[in-house]
Amino acid sequence: MQVNDKAPDFTLVNEEGKSVSLKDYRGKDLVLFFYPKANTPG
């Protein structure tokens, strides 16, 4: 990906066990944080 490319749609499970897709937030401001698994409790 390059700067200003649109992110591909993806689906993840949230902390409540519900599937959430990037497309669910279309038209809204959204900040995504990605970090290595080594720095998480999971």
C-alpha atoms as a PDB file:
ATOM      1  CA  MET A   1       0.000   0.000   0.000  1.00  0.00           C
ATOM      2  CA  GLN A   2       0.995   3.595  -0.586  1.00  0.00           C
ATOM      3  CA  VAL A   3       0.119   6.769   1.299  1.00  0.00           C
ATOM      4  CA  ASN A   4      -3.515   7.772   0.576  1.00  0.00           C
ATOM      5  CA  ASP A   5      -4.488   4.308  -0.710  1.00  0.00           C
ATOM      6  CA  LYS A   6      -7.854   3.113   0.527  1.00  0.00           C
ATOM      7  CA  ALA A   7      -7.605   0.335   3.071  1.00  0.00           C
ATOM      8  CA  PRO A   8      -8.966  -3.027   1.939  1.00  0.00           C
ATOM      9  CA  ASP A   9     -12.094  -4.190   3.726  1.00  0.00           C
ATOM     10  CA  PHE A  10     -11.477  -6.630   6.563  1.00  0.00           C
ATOM     11  CA  THR A  11     -13.461  -8.142   9.411  1.00  0.00           C
ATOM     12  CA  LEU A  12     -12.257  -8.721  12.962  1.00  0.00           C
ATOM     13  CA  VAL A  13     -13.879  -9.861  16.184  1.00  0.00           C
ATOM     14  CA  ASN A  14     -14.142  -7.166  18.861  1.00  0.00           C
ATOM     15  CA  GLU A  15     -13.770  -7.595  22.613  1.00  0.00           C
ATOM     16  CA  GLU A  16     -17.477  -8.475  22.870  1.00  0.00           C
ATOM     17  CA  GLY A  17     -17.144 -11.325  20.356  1.00  0.00           C
ATOM     18  CA  LYS A  18     -19.005  -9.412  17.626  1.00  0.00           C
ATOM     19  CA  SER A  19     -17.678  -9.321  14.048  1.00  0.00           C
ATOM     20  CA  VAL A  20     -16.903  -5.786  12.923  1.00  0.00           C
ATOM     21  CA  SER A  21     -15.938  -4.818   9.359  1.00  0.00           C
ATOM     22  CA  LEU A  22     -14.116  -1.765   8.145  1.00  0.00           C
ATOM     23  CA  LYS A  23     -17.068  -1.086   5.824  1.00  0.00           C
ATOM     24  CA  ASP A  24     -19.282  -0.659   8.933  1.00  0.00           C
ATOM     25  CA  TYR A  25     -17.509   2.687   9.439  1.00  0.00           C
ATOM     26  CA  ARG A  26     -17.769   4.005   5.880  1.00  0.00           C
ATOM     27  CA  GLY A  27     -18.307   7.773   5.895  1.00  0.00           C
ATOM     28  CA  LYS A  28     -17.098   8.135   9.493  1.00  0.00           C
ATOM     29  CA  ASP A  29     -13.747   9.232  10.855  1.00  0.00           C
ATOM     30  CA  LEU A  30     -11.762   6.246  12.027  1.00  0.00           C
ATOM     31  CA  VAL A  31      -8.300   5.717  13.484  1.00  0.00           C
ATOM     32  CA  LEU A  32      -6.751   2.258  13.244  1.00  0.00           C
ATOM     33  CA  PHE A  33      -3.945   1.136  15.507  1.00  0.00           C
ATOM     34  CA  PHE A  34      -1.788  -1.833  14.521  1.00  0.00           C
ATOM     35  CA  TYR A  35       0.831  -3.171  16.876  1.00  0.00           C
ATOM     36  CA  PRO A  36       2.836  -6.378  17.173  1.00  0.00           C
ATOM     37  CA  LYS A  37       1.299  -9.281  19.028  1.00  0.00           C
ATOM     38  CA  ALA A  38       4.364  -9.402  21.288  1.00  0.00           C
ATOM     39  CA  ASN A  39       3.162  -6.169  22.944  1.00  0.00           C
ATOM     40  CA  THR A  40      -0.352  -7.443  23.677  1.00  0.00           C
ATOM     41  CA  PRO A  41      -1.735  -9.751  26.344  1.00  0.00           C
ATOM     42  CA  GLY A  42      -3.045 -12.185  23.687  1.00  0.00           C
END
